[in-house]
Amino acid sequence: VVTNTASKINSIEAFVSFPKRLLKVKTVSRTKSALTLWAKKPAWSNSRGYVTFAGGKQHPGFRGTKVRVIAITFIPLKAGTASLRYGAARVLVDNGKGSMLPLAKKTATVRIVAR
């Protein structure tokens, strides 16, 4: 999650961790992504509990409040509250200087309920 949506974004790199006892990645999709160049295509490890990727878009970059970068589909393994943590995340502005944007949140919480 980025705080400054007025700036155009040039590239994003992220390491997203998830609780492997609660969630399992089924797929990671780049379909309809704002990113068009991939330095590191999305990859994941269910045994270690992470998803990682690095990509960008040529000048003039992109901006918006609801822009898709990747879509992660999880399979719930059991009920509970799962925290998705964005560690080692870098979001760079399309200004030719490599300026980084601050992240508003570094954690997203997902509640998993039993049927």
PDB file of N, CA and C in Angstrom:
ATOM      1  N   VAL A   1       0.853  -1.167   0.000  1.00  0.00           N
ATOM      2  CA  VAL A   1       0.000   0.000   0.000  1.00  0.00           C
ATOM      3  C   VAL A   1       0.898   1.229   0.000  1.00  0.00           C
ATOM      4  N   VAL A   2       0.663   2.135  -0.917  1.00  0.00           N
ATOM      5  CA  VAL A   2       1.490   3.325  -1.064  1.00  0.00           C
ATOM      6  C   VAL A   2       0.728   4.533  -0.524  1.00  0.00           C
ATOM      7  N   THR A   3       1.441   5.466   0.104  1.00  0.00           N
ATOM      8  CA  THR A   3       0.774   6.633   0.679  1.00  0.00           C
ATOM      9  C   THR A   3       0.568   7.755  -0.330  1.00  0.00           C
ATOM     10  N   ASN A   4       1.495   7.964  -1.232  1.00  0.00           N
ATOM     11  CA  ASN A   4       1.440   9.108  -2.140  1.00  0.00           C
ATOM     12  C   ASN A   4       1.018   8.672  -3.535  1.00  0.00           C
ATOM     13  N   THR A   5      -0.267   8.745  -3.832  1.00  0.00           N
ATOM     14  CA  THR A   5      -0.759   8.327  -5.140  1.00  0.00           C
ATOM     15  C   THR A   5      -0.662   9.433  -6.170  1.00  0.00           C
ATOM     16  N   ALA A   6      -0.237  10.635  -5.766  1.00  0.00           N
ATOM     17  CA  ALA A   6      -0.064  11.740  -6.715  1.00  0.00           C
ATOM     18  C   ALA A   6       1.188  11.521  -7.564  1.00  0.00           C
ATOM     19  N   SER A   7       2.150  10.780  -7.045  1.00  0.00           N
ATOM     20  CA  SER A   7       3.381  10.500  -7.773  1.00  0.00           C
ATOM     21  C   SER A   7       3.204   9.308  -8.694  1.00  0.00           C
ATOM     22  N   LYS A   8       3.829   9.377  -9.857  1.00  0.00           N
ATOM     23  CA  LYS A   8       3.802   8.233 -10.761  1.00  0.00           C
ATOM     24  C   LYS A   8       4.854   7.225 -10.299  1.00  0.00           C
ATOM     25  N   ILE A   9       4.475   5.960 -10.332  1.00  0.00           N
ATOM     26  CA  ILE A   9       5.348   4.880  -9.873  1.00  0.00           C
ATOM     27  C   ILE A   9       6.066   4.266 -11.064  1.00  0.00           C
ATOM     28  N   ASN A  10       7.360   3.984 -10.865  1.00  0.00           N
ATOM     29  CA  ASN A  10       8.188   3.396 -11.905  1.00  0.00           C
ATOM     30  C   ASN A  10       8.438   1.916 -11.661  1.00  0.00           C
ATOM     31  N   SER A  11       8.696   1.539 -10.406  1.00  0.00           N
ATOM     32  CA  SER A  11       8.977   0.131 -10.124  1.00  0.00           C
ATOM     33  C   SER A  11       8.595  -0.247  -8.698  1.00  0.00           C
ATOM     34  N   ILE A  12       8.337  -1.533  -8.545  1.00  0.00           N
ATOM     35  CA  ILE A  12       7.953  -2.091  -7.243  1.00  0.00           C
ATOM     36  C   ILE A  12       8.690  -3.405  -7.053  1.00  0.00           C
ATOM     37  N   GLU A  13       9.230  -3.564  -5.861  1.00  0.00           N
ATOM     38  CA  GLU A  13       9.862  -4.825  -5.471  1.00  0.00           C
ATOM     39  C   GLU A  13       9.318  -5.174  -4.100  1.00  0.00           C
ATOM     40  N   ALA A  14       8.922  -6.430  -3.899  1.00  0.00           N
ATOM     41  CA  ALA A  14       8.350  -6.784  -2.602  1.00  0.00           C
ATOM     42  C   ALA A  14       8.595  -8.240  -2.241  1.00  0.00           C
ATOM     43  N   PHE A  15       8.634  -8.468  -0.948  1.00  0.00           N
ATOM     44  CA  PHE A  15       8.694  -9.790  -0.337  1.00  0.00           C
ATOM     45  C   PHE A  15       7.503  -9.830   0.610  1.00  0.00           C
ATOM     46  N   VAL A  16       6.530 -10.670   0.323  1.00  0.00           N
ATOM     47  CA  VAL A  16       5.310 -10.770   1.129  1.00  0.00           C
ATOM     48  C   VAL A  16       5.326 -12.101   1.864  1.00  0.00           C
ATOM     49  N   SER A  17       5.284 -12.050   3.187  1.00  0.00           N
ATOM     50  CA  SER A  17       5.257 -13.298   3.958  1.00  0.00           C
ATOM     51  C   SER A  17       3.829 -13.564   4.437  1.00  0.00           C
ATOM     52  N   PHE A  18       3.526 -14.836   4.590  1.00  0.00           N
ATOM     53  CA  PHE A  18       2.201 -15.253   5.058  1.00  0.00           C
ATOM     54  C   PHE A  18       2.362 -16.460   5.984  1.00  0.00           C
ATOM     55  N   PRO A  19       1.385 -16.686   6.899  1.00  0.00           N
ATOM     56  CA  PRO A  19       1.485 -17.817   7.822  1.00  0.00           C
ATOM     57  C   PRO A  19       1.186 -19.133   7.098  1.00  0.00           C
ATOM     58  N   LYS A  20       2.206 -19.932   6.922  1.00  0.00           N
ATOM     59  CA  LYS A  20       2.067 -21.192   6.168  1.00  0.00           C
ATOM     60  C   LYS A  20       1.185 -22.220   6.865  1.00  0.00           C
ATOM     61  N   ARG A  21       0.915 -22.035   8.136  1.00  0.00           N
ATOM     62  CA  ARG A  21       0.003 -22.959   8.817  1.00  0.00           C
ATOM     63  C   ARG A  21      -1.460 -22.624   8.510  1.00  0.00           C
ATOM     64  N   LEU A  22      -1.720 -21.382   8.041  1.00  0.00           N
ATOM     65  CA  LEU A  22      -3.084 -20.956   7.749  1.00  0.00           C
ATOM     66  C   LEU A  22      -3.398 -20.838   6.256  1.00  0.00           C
ATOM     67  N   LEU A  23      -2.384 -20.524   5.469  1.00  0.00           N
ATOM     68  CA  LEU A  23      -2.598 -20.264   4.040  1.00  0.00           C
ATOM     69  C   LEU A  23      -1.599 -20.999   3.165  1.00  0.00           C
ATOM     70  N   LYS A  24      -2.043 -21.272   1.949  1.00  0.00           N
ATOM     71  CA  LYS A  24      -1.185 -21.892   0.942  1.00  0.00           C
ATOM     72  C   LYS A  24      -1.463 -21.150  -0.372  1.00  0.00           C
ATOM     73  N   VAL A  25      -0.409 -20.740  -1.075  1.00  0.00           N
ATOM     74  CA  VAL A  25      -0.595 -20.058  -2.355  1.00  0.00           C
ATOM     75  C   VAL A  25      -1.035 -21.063  -3.405  1.00  0.00           C
ATOM     76  N   LYS A  26      -2.117 -20.717  -4.100  1.00  0.00           N
ATOM     77  CA  LYS A  26      -2.588 -21.539  -5.223  1.00  0.00           C
ATOM     78  C   LYS A  26      -1.999 -20.999  -6.525  1.00  0.00           C
ATOM     79  N   THR A  27      -2.122 -19.694  -6.733  1.00  0.00           N
ATOM     80  CA  THR A  27      -1.567 -19.049  -7.926  1.00  0.00           C
ATOM     81  C   THR A  27      -1.152 -17.624  -7.607  1.00  0.00           C
ATOM     82  N   VAL A  28      -0.235 -17.118  -8.415  1.00  0.00           N
ATOM     83  CA  VAL A  28       0.125 -15.705  -8.415  1.00  0.00           C
ATOM     84  C   VAL A  28       0.041 -15.268  -9.871  1.00  0.00           C
ATOM     85  N   SER A  29      -0.791 -14.263 -10.133  1.00  0.00           N
ATOM     86  CA  SER A  29      -1.055 -13.850 -11.504  1.00  0.00           C
ATOM     87  C   SER A  29      -0.537 -12.436 -11.776  1.00  0.00           C
ATOM     88  N   ARG A  30      -0.010 -12.238 -12.990  1.00  0.00           N
ATOM     89  CA  ARG A  30       0.402 -10.911 -13.466  1.00  0.00           C
ATOM     90  C   ARG A  30      -0.638 -10.333 -14.425  1.00  0.00           C
ATOM     91  N   THR A  31      -1.736 -11.044 -14.645  1.00  0.00           N
ATOM     92  CA  THR A  31      -2.790 -10.591 -15.560  1.00  0.00           C
ATOM     93  C   THR A  31      -3.324  -9.236 -15.114  1.00  0.00           C
ATOM     94  N   LYS A  32      -3.461  -8.324 -16.044  1.00  0.00           N
ATOM     95  CA  LYS A  32      -3.956  -6.958 -15.809  1.00  0.00           C
ATOM     96  C   LYS A  32      -3.077  -6.156 -14.857  1.00  0.00           C
ATOM     97  N   SER A  33      -1.806  -6.508 -14.739  1.00  0.00           N
ATOM     98  CA  SER A  33      -0.891  -5.773 -13.882  1.00  0.00           C
ATOM     99  C   SER A  33      -0.511  -4.443 -14.508  1.00  0.00           C
ATOM    100  N   ALA A  34      -0.301  -3.440 -13.664  1.00  0.00           N
ATOM    101  CA  ALA A  34       0.209  -2.152 -14.130  1.00  0.00           C
ATOM    102  C   ALA A  34       1.681  -2.282 -14.518  1.00  0.00           C
ATOM    103  N   LEU A  35       2.348  -3.307 -14.009  1.00  0.00           N
ATOM    104  CA  LEU A  35       3.752  -3.532 -14.333  1.00  0.00           C
ATOM    105  C   LEU A  35       3.855  -4.267 -15.664  1.00  0.00           C
ATOM    106  N   THR A  36       4.772  -3.815 -16.516  1.00  0.00           N
ATOM    107  CA  THR A  36       4.939  -4.434 -17.833  1.00  0.00           C
ATOM    108  C   THR A  36       6.323  -5.042 -18.028  1.00  0.00           C
ATOM    109  N   LEU A  37       7.265  -4.686 -17.173  1.00  0.00           N
ATOM    110  CA  LEU A  37       8.624  -5.225 -17.223  1.00  0.00           C
ATOM    111  C   LEU A  37       8.889  -5.973 -15.918  1.00  0.00           C
ATOM    112  N   TRP A  38       9.440  -7.171 -16.028  1.00  0.00           N
ATOM    113  CA  TRP A  38       9.637  -7.987 -14.828  1.00  0.00           C
ATOM    114  C   TRP A  38      11.105  -8.329 -14.633  1.00  0.00           C
ATOM    115  N   ALA A  39      11.738  -7.705 -13.631  1.00  0.00           N
ATOM    116  CA  ALA A  39      13.109  -8.036 -13.259  1.00  0.00           C
ATOM    117  C   ALA A  39      13.124  -9.386 -12.550  1.00  0.00           C
ATOM    118  N   LYS A  40      12.046  -9.656 -11.832  1.00  0.00           N
ATOM    119  CA  LYS A  40      11.894 -10.917 -11.100  1.00  0.00           C
ATOM    120  C   LYS A  40      10.423 -11.284 -11.151  1.00  0.00           C
ATOM    121  N   LYS A  41      10.075 -12.251 -11.982  1.00  0.00           N
ATOM    122  CA  LYS A  41       8.684 -12.682 -12.074  1.00  0.00           C
ATOM    123  C   LYS A  41       8.223 -13.205 -10.719  1.00  0.00           C
ATOM    124  N   PRO A  42       6.933 -13.077 -10.429  1.00  0.00           N
ATOM    125  CA  PRO A  42       6.441 -13.548  -9.133  1.00  0.00           C
ATOM    126  C   PRO A  42       6.782 -15.025  -8.893  1.00  0.00           C
ATOM    127  N   ALA A  43       7.270 -15.279  -7.696  1.00  0.00           N
ATOM    128  CA  ALA A  43       7.618 -16.644  -7.281  1.00  0.00           C
ATOM    129  C   ALA A  43       7.156 -16.800  -5.836  1.00  0.00           C
ATOM    130  N   TRP A  44       6.956 -18.040  -5.414  1.00  0.00           N
ATOM    131  CA  TRP A  44       6.514 -18.259  -4.035  1.00  0.00           C
ATOM    132  C   TRP A  44       7.012 -19.583  -3.512  1.00  0.00           C
ATOM    133  N   SER A  45       6.955 -19.680  -2.186  1.00  0.00           N
ATOM    134  CA  SER A  45       7.291 -20.915  -1.488  1.00  0.00           C
ATOM    135  C   SER A  45       6.248 -21.138  -0.411  1.00  0.00           C
ATOM    136  N   ASN A  46       5.457 -22.187  -0.559  1.00  0.00           N
ATOM    137  CA  ASN A  46       4.475 -22.518   0.478  1.00  0.00           C
ATOM    138  C   ASN A  46       5.157 -23.101   1.708  1.00  0.00           C
ATOM    139  N   SER A  47       6.269 -23.785   1.518  1.00  0.00           N
ATOM    140  CA  SER A  47       6.964 -24.369   2.665  1.00  0.00           C
ATOM    141  C   SER A  47       7.629 -23.299   3.527  1.00  0.00           C
ATOM    142  N   ARG A  48       7.997 -22.175   2.925  1.00  0.00           N
ATOM    143  CA  ARG A  48       8.623 -21.081   3.679  1.00  0.00           C
ATOM    144  C   ARG A  48       7.663 -19.915   3.941  1.00  0.00           C
ATOM    145  N   GLY A  49       6.534 -19.881   3.242  1.00  0.00           N
ATOM    146  CA  GLY A  49       5.521 -18.861   3.485  1.00  0.00           C
ATOM    147  C   GLY A  49       5.834 -17.485   2.924  1.00  0.00           C
ATOM    148  N   TYR A  50       6.169 -17.412   1.635  1.00  0.00           N
ATOM    149  CA  TYR A  50       6.415 -16.098   1.049  1.00  0.00           C
ATOM    150  C   TYR A  50       6.083 -16.041  -0.438  1.00  0.00           C
ATOM    151  N   VAL A  51       5.872 -14.806  -0.921  1.00  0.00           N
ATOM    152  CA  VAL A  51       5.734 -14.471  -2.336  1.00  0.00           C
ATOM    153  C   VAL A  51       6.690 -13.318  -2.581  1.00  0.00           C
ATOM    154  N   THR A  52       7.402 -13.334  -3.701  1.00  0.00           N
ATOM    155  CA  THR A  52       8.331 -12.260  -4.022  1.00  0.00           C
ATOM    156  C   THR A  52       8.219 -11.887  -5.498  1.00  0.00           C
ATOM    157  N   PHE A  53       8.493 -10.626  -5.812  1.00  0.00           N
ATOM    158  CA  PHE A  53       8.469 -10.160  -7.203  1.00  0.00           C
ATOM    159  C   PHE A  53       9.161  -8.806  -7.310  1.00  0.00           C
ATOM    160  N   ALA A  54       9.530  -8.445  -8.528  1.00  0.00           N
ATOM    161  CA  ALA A  54      10.098  -7.121  -8.811  1.00  0.00           C
ATOM    162  C   ALA A  54       9.763  -6.785 -10.255  1.00  0.00           C
ATOM    163  N   GLY A  55       9.144  -5.628 -10.448  1.00  0.00           N
ATOM    164  CA  GLY A  55       8.773  -5.224 -11.798  1.00  0.00           C
ATOM    165  C   GLY A  55       8.626  -3.725 -11.913  1.00  0.00           C
ATOM    166  N   GLY A  56       8.415  -3.285 -13.145  1.00  0.00           N
ATOM    167  CA  GLY A  56       8.278  -1.852 -13.363  1.00  0.00           C
ATOM    168  C   GLY A  56       7.505  -1.545 -14.622  1.00  0.00           C
ATOM    169  N   LYS A  57       7.442  -0.286 -14.916  1.00  0.00           N
ATOM    170  CA  LYS A  57       6.792   0.197 -16.124  1.00  0.00           C
ATOM    171  C   LYS A  57       7.601   1.379 -16.626  1.00  0.00           C
ATOM    172  N   GLN A  58       7.836   1.398 -17.927  1.00  0.00           N
ATOM    173  CA  GLN A  58       8.607   2.486 -18.513  1.00  0.00           C
ATOM    174  C   GLN A  58       7.912   3.826 -18.311  1.00  0.00           C
ATOM    175  N   HIS A  59       8.695   4.885 -18.443  1.00  0.00           N
ATOM    176  CA  HIS A  59       8.180   6.252 -18.346  1.00  0.00           C
ATOM    177  C   HIS A  59       6.961   6.404 -19.239  1.00  0.00           C
ATOM    178  N   PRO A  60       5.873   6.931 -18.782  1.00  0.00           N
ATOM    179  CA  PRO A  60       5.723   7.786 -17.602  1.00  0.00           C
ATOM    180  C   PRO A  60       5.268   7.056 -16.339  1.00  0.00           C
ATOM    181  N   GLY A  61       5.450   5.768 -16.231  1.00  0.00           N
ATOM    182  CA  GLY A  61       5.033   5.042 -15.039  1.00  0.00           C
ATOM    183  C   GLY A  61       3.520   4.950 -14.929  1.00  0.00           C
ATOM    184  N   PHE A  62       3.022   4.806 -13.701  1.00  0.00           N
ATOM    185  CA  PHE A  62       1.577   4.702 -13.479  1.00  0.00           C
ATOM    186  C   PHE A  62       1.226   5.262 -12.113  1.00  0.00           C
ATOM    187  N   ARG A  63      -0.039   5.578 -11.926  1.00  0.00           N
ATOM    188  CA  ARG A  63      -0.530   6.001 -10.614  1.00  0.00           C
ATOM    189  C   ARG A  63      -2.001   5.634 -10.500  1.00  0.00           C
ATOM    190  N   GLY A  64      -2.483   5.667  -9.289  1.00  0.00           N
ATOM    191  CA  GLY A  64      -3.882   5.353  -9.037  1.00  0.00           C
ATOM    192  C   GLY A  64      -4.055   4.833  -7.632  1.00  0.00           C
ATOM    193  N   THR A  65      -5.291   4.792  -7.175  1.00  0.00           N
ATOM    194  CA  THR A  65      -5.554   4.325  -5.818  1.00  0.00           C
ATOM    195  C   THR A  65      -5.881   2.836  -5.767  1.00  0.00           C
ATOM    196  N   LYS A  66      -6.284   2.267  -6.893  1.00  0.00           N
ATOM    197  CA  LYS A  66      -6.614   0.836  -6.935  1.00  0.00           C
ATOM    198  C   LYS A  66      -5.979   0.216  -8.170  1.00  0.00           C
ATOM    199  N   VAL A  67      -4.676   0.136  -8.164  1.00  0.00           N
ATOM    200  CA  VAL A  67      -3.921  -0.382  -9.301  1.00  0.00           C
ATOM    201  C   VAL A  67      -3.468  -1.797  -8.976  1.00  0.00           C
ATOM    202  N   ARG A  68      -3.713  -2.722  -9.884  1.00  0.00           N
ATOM    203  CA  ARG A  68      -3.300  -4.110  -9.682  1.00  0.00           C
ATOM    204  C   ARG A  68      -1.830  -4.265 -10.055  1.00  0.00           C
ATOM    205  N   VAL A  69      -1.099  -4.909  -9.185  1.00  0.00           N
ATOM    206  CA  VAL A  69       0.306  -5.214  -9.456  1.00  0.00           C
ATOM    207  C   VAL A  69       0.440  -6.724  -9.672  1.00  0.00           C
ATOM    208  N   ILE A  70       0.028  -7.504  -8.687  1.00  0.00           N
ATOM    209  CA  ILE A  70      -0.097  -8.953  -8.823  1.00  0.00           C
ATOM    210  C   ILE A  70      -1.364  -9.366  -8.084  1.00  0.00           C
ATOM    211  N   ALA A  71      -1.862 -10.548  -8.393  1.00  0.00           N
ATOM    212  CA  ALA A  71      -3.010 -11.107  -7.676  1.00  0.00           C
ATOM    213  C   ALA A  71      -2.579 -12.451  -7.090  1.00  0.00           C
ATOM    214  N   ILE A  72      -2.699 -12.582  -5.795  1.00  0.00           N
ATOM    215  CA  ILE A  72      -2.334 -13.824  -5.117  1.00  0.00           C
ATOM    216  C   ILE A  72      -3.627 -14.537  -4.708  1.00  0.00           C
ATOM    217  N   THR A  73      -3.777 -15.786  -5.120  1.00  0.00           N
ATOM    218  CA  THR A  73      -4.915 -16.600  -4.712  1.00  0.00           C
ATOM    219  C   THR A  73      -4.421 -17.599  -3.676  1.00  0.00           C
ATOM    220  N   PHE A  74      -4.993 -17.526  -2.487  1.00  0.00           N
ATOM    221  CA  PHE A  74      -4.616 -18.429  -1.397  1.00  0.00           C
ATOM    222  C   PHE A  74      -5.659 -19.516  -1.217  1.00  0.00           C
ATOM    223  N   ILE A  75      -5.223 -20.659  -0.718  1.00  0.00           N
ATOM    224  CA  ILE A  75      -6.099 -21.732  -0.260  1.00  0.00           C
ATOM    225  C   ILE A  75      -6.035 -21.696   1.265  1.00  0.00           C
ATOM    226  N   PRO A  76      -7.185 -21.542   1.930  1.00  0.00           N
ATOM    227  CA  PRO A  76      -7.163 -21.547   3.394  1.00  0.00           C
ATOM    228  C   PRO A  76      -6.929 -22.967   3.911  1.00  0.00           C
ATOM    229  N   LEU A  77      -6.072 -23.099   4.900  1.00  0.00           N
ATOM    230  CA  LEU A  77      -5.780 -24.412   5.468  1.00  0.00           C
ATOM    231  C   LEU A  77      -6.558 -24.662   6.759  1.00  0.00           C
ATOM    232  N   LYS A  78      -6.798 -23.581   7.506  1.00  0.00           N
ATOM    233  CA  LYS A  78      -7.614 -23.694   8.707  1.00  0.00           C
ATOM    234  C   LYS A  78      -8.066 -22.302   9.128  1.00  0.00           C
ATOM    235  N   ALA A  79      -9.050 -22.250  10.002  1.00  0.00           N
ATOM    236  CA  ALA A  79      -9.597 -20.971  10.472  1.00  0.00           C
ATOM    237  C   ALA A  79      -8.573 -20.238  11.323  1.00  0.00           C
ATOM    238  N   GLY A  80      -8.649 -18.913  11.280  1.00  0.00           N
ATOM    239  CA  GLY A  80      -7.744 -18.092  12.078  1.00  0.00           C
ATOM    240  C   GLY A  80      -7.588 -16.715  11.457  1.00  0.00           C
ATOM    241  N   THR A  81      -6.680 -15.941  12.003  1.00  0.00           N
ATOM    242  CA  THR A  81      -6.379 -14.618  11.477  1.00  0.00           C
ATOM    243  C   THR A  81      -4.971 -14.641  10.906  1.00  0.00           C
ATOM    244  N   ALA A  82      -4.873 -14.353   9.618  1.00  0.00           N
ATOM    245  CA  ALA A  82      -3.586 -14.396   8.929  1.00  0.00           C
ATOM    246  C   ALA A  82      -3.092 -12.983   8.658  1.00  0.00           C
ATOM    247  N   SER A  83      -1.842 -12.735   8.975  1.00  0.00           N
ATOM    248  CA  SER A  83      -1.214 -11.454   8.668  1.00  0.00           C
ATOM    249  C   SER A  83      -0.299 -11.619   7.467  1.00  0.00           C
ATOM    250  N   LEU A  84      -0.533 -10.805   6.447  1.00  0.00           N
ATOM    251  CA  LEU A  84       0.346 -10.754   5.286  1.00  0.00           C
ATOM    252  C   LEU A  84       1.276  -9.576   5.527  1.00  0.00           C
ATOM    253  N   ARG A  85       2.567  -9.837   5.565  1.00  0.00           N
ATOM    254  CA  ARG A  85       3.534  -8.785   5.884  1.00  0.00           C
ATOM    255  C   ARG A  85       4.379  -8.455   4.653  1.00  0.00           C
ATOM    256  N   TYR A  86       4.484  -7.140   4.405  1.00  0.00           N
ATOM    257  CA  TYR A  86       5.270  -6.668   3.267  1.00  0.00           C
ATOM    258  C   TYR A  86       6.649  -6.269   3.767  1.00  0.00           C
ATOM    259  N   GLY A  87       7.573  -7.200   3.688  1.00  0.00           N
ATOM    260  CA  GLY A  87       8.935  -6.907   4.096  1.00  0.00           C
ATOM    261  C   GLY A  87       9.784  -6.633   2.865  1.00  0.00           C
ATOM    262  N   ALA A  88      10.840  -5.895   3.035  1.00  0.00           N
ATOM    263  CA  ALA A  88      11.765  -5.567   1.945  1.00  0.00           C
ATOM    264  C   ALA A  88      11.035  -5.002   0.725  1.00  0.00           C
ATOM    265  N   ALA A  89      10.018  -4.201   0.972  1.00  0.00           N
ATOM    266  CA  ALA A  89       9.255  -3.614  -0.134  1.00  0.00           C
ATOM    267  C   ALA A  89       9.863  -2.273  -0.520  1.00  0.00           C
ATOM    268  N   ARG A  90       9.981  -2.064  -1.836  1.00  0.00           N
ATOM    269  CA  ARG A  90      10.482  -0.791  -2.353  1.00  0.00           C
ATOM    270  C   ARG A  90       9.575  -0.339  -3.483  1.00  0.00           C
ATOM    271  N   VAL A  91       9.126   0.887  -3.401  1.00  0.00           N
ATOM    272  CA  VAL A  91       8.308   1.485  -4.444  1.00  0.00           C
ATOM    273  C   VAL A  91       9.040   2.742  -4.899  1.00  0.00           C
ATOM    274  N   LEU A  92       9.433   2.773  -6.180  1.00  0.00           N
ATOM    275  CA  LEU A  92      10.214   3.892  -6.693  1.00  0.00           C
ATOM    276  C   LEU A  92       9.387   4.798  -7.591  1.00  0.00           C
ATOM    277  N   VAL A  93       9.599   6.107  -7.442  1.00  0.00           N
ATOM    278  CA  VAL A  93       8.903   7.126  -8.218  1.00  0.00           C
ATOM    279  C   VAL A  93       9.531   7.235  -9.604  1.00  0.00           C
ATOM    280  N   ASP A  94       8.710   7.541 -10.597  1.00  0.00           N
ATOM    281  CA  ASP A  94       9.191   7.746 -11.963  1.00  0.00           C
ATOM    282  C   ASP A  94       9.676   9.194 -12.117  1.00  0.00           C
ATOM    283  N   ASN A  95      10.813   9.496 -11.450  1.00  0.00           N
ATOM    284  CA  ASN A  95      11.360  10.850 -11.520  1.00  0.00           C
ATOM    285  C   ASN A  95      12.823  10.876 -11.976  1.00  0.00           C
ATOM    286  N   GLY A  96      13.359   9.708 -12.346  1.00  0.00           N
ATOM    287  CA  GLY A  96      14.741   9.635 -12.805  1.00  0.00           C
ATOM    288  C   GLY A  96      15.768   9.712 -11.687  1.00  0.00           C
ATOM    289  N   LYS A  97      15.336   9.762 -10.435  1.00  0.00           N
ATOM    290  CA  LYS A  97      16.250   9.896  -9.302  1.00  0.00           C
ATOM    291  C   LYS A  97      16.264   8.675  -8.383  1.00  0.00           C
ATOM    292  N   GLY A  98      15.373   7.729  -8.620  1.00  0.00           N
ATOM    293  CA  GLY A  98      15.290   6.554  -7.753  1.00  0.00           C
ATOM    294  C   GLY A  98      14.691   6.860  -6.391  1.00  0.00           C
ATOM    295  N   SER A  99      13.863   7.894  -6.318  1.00  0.00           N
ATOM    296  CA  SER A  99      13.231   8.267  -5.044  1.00  0.00           C
ATOM    297  C   SER A  99      12.228   7.197  -4.618  1.00  0.00           C
ATOM    298  N   MET A 100      12.264   6.871  -3.325  1.00  0.00           N
ATOM    299  CA  MET A 100      11.350   5.866  -2.795  1.00  0.00           C
ATOM    300  C   MET A 100      10.115   6.511  -2.198  1.00  0.00           C
ATOM    301  N   LEU A 101       8.967   5.836  -2.353  1.00  0.00           N
ATOM    302  CA  LEU A 101       7.722   6.273  -1.717  1.00  0.00           C
ATOM    303  C   LEU A 101       7.559   5.518  -0.407  1.00  0.00           C
ATOM    304  N   PRO A 102       7.073   6.190   0.628  1.00  0.00           N
ATOM    305  CA  PRO A 102       6.812   5.488   1.891  1.00  0.00           C
ATOM    306  C   PRO A 102       5.581   4.600   1.763  1.00  0.00           C
ATOM    307  N   LEU A 103       5.583   3.507   2.481  1.00  0.00           N
ATOM    308  CA  LEU A 103       4.431   2.609   2.503  1.00  0.00           C
ATOM    309  C   LEU A 103       3.508   2.992   3.646  1.00  0.00           C
ATOM    310  N   ALA A 104       2.212   3.034   3.367  1.00  0.00           N
ATOM    311  CA  ALA A 104       1.227   3.385   4.389  1.00  0.00           C
ATOM    312  C   ALA A 104       1.082   2.252   5.397  1.00  0.00           C
ATOM    313  N   LYS A 105       1.082   1.022   4.909  1.00  0.00           N
ATOM    314  CA  LYS A 105       0.914  -0.143   5.773  1.00  0.00           C
ATOM    315  C   LYS A 105       1.919  -1.195   5.341  1.00  0.00           C
ATOM    316  N   LYS A 106       2.395  -1.951   6.289  1.00  0.00           N
ATOM    317  CA  LYS A 106       3.288  -3.053   5.957  1.00  0.00           C
ATOM    318  C   LYS A 106       2.659  -4.389   6.303  1.00  0.00           C
ATOM    319  N   THR A 107       1.387  -4.364   6.736  1.00  0.00           N
ATOM    320  CA  THR A 107       0.684  -5.590   7.097  1.00  0.00           C
ATOM    321  C   THR A 107      -0.773  -5.494   6.644  1.00  0.00           C
ATOM    322  N   ALA A 108      -1.275  -6.603   6.134  1.00  0.00           N
ATOM    323  CA  ALA A 108      -2.698  -6.736   5.841  1.00  0.00           C
ATOM    324  C   ALA A 108      -3.190  -7.951   6.612  1.00  0.00           C
ATOM    325  N   THR A 109      -4.377  -7.862   7.189  1.00  0.00           N
ATOM    326  CA  THR A 109      -4.914  -8.956   7.996  1.00  0.00           C
ATOM    327  C   THR A 109      -6.111  -9.569   7.271  1.00  0.00           C
ATOM    328  N   VAL A 110      -6.121 -10.901   7.227  1.00  0.00           N
ATOM    329  CA  VAL A 110      -7.197 -11.655   6.585  1.00  0.00           C
ATOM    330  C   VAL A 110      -7.794 -12.603   7.624  1.00  0.00           C
ATOM    331  N   ARG A 111      -9.093 -12.550   7.770  1.00  0.00           N
ATOM    332  CA  ARG A 111      -9.777 -13.451   8.700  1.00  0.00           C
ATOM    333  C   ARG A 111     -10.278 -14.668   7.923  1.00  0.00           C
ATOM    334  N   ILE A 112      -9.925 -15.846   8.385  1.00  0.00           N
ATOM    335  CA  ILE A 112     -10.314 -17.097   7.741  1.00  0.00           C
ATOM    336  C   ILE A 112     -11.349 -17.771   8.635  1.00  0.00           C
ATOM    337  N   VAL A 113     -12.519 -18.039   8.082  1.00  0.00           N
ATOM    338  CA  VAL A 113     -13.584 -18.672   8.866  1.00  0.00           C
ATOM    339  C   VAL A 113     -13.899 -20.053   8.304  1.00  0.00           C
ATOM    340  N   ALA A 114     -14.286 -20.958   9.191  1.00  0.00           N
ATOM    341  CA  ALA A 114     -14.666 -22.302   8.783  1.00  0.00           C
ATOM    342  C   ALA A 114     -16.083 -22.295   8.226  1.00  0.00           C
ATOM    343  N   ARG A 115     -16.339 -23.156   7.282  1.00  0.00           N
ATOM    344  CA  ARG A 115     -17.698 -23.266   6.726  1.00  0.00           C
ATOM    345  C   ARG A 115     -18.515 -24.259   7.495  1.00  0.00           C
TER     346      ARG A 115
END
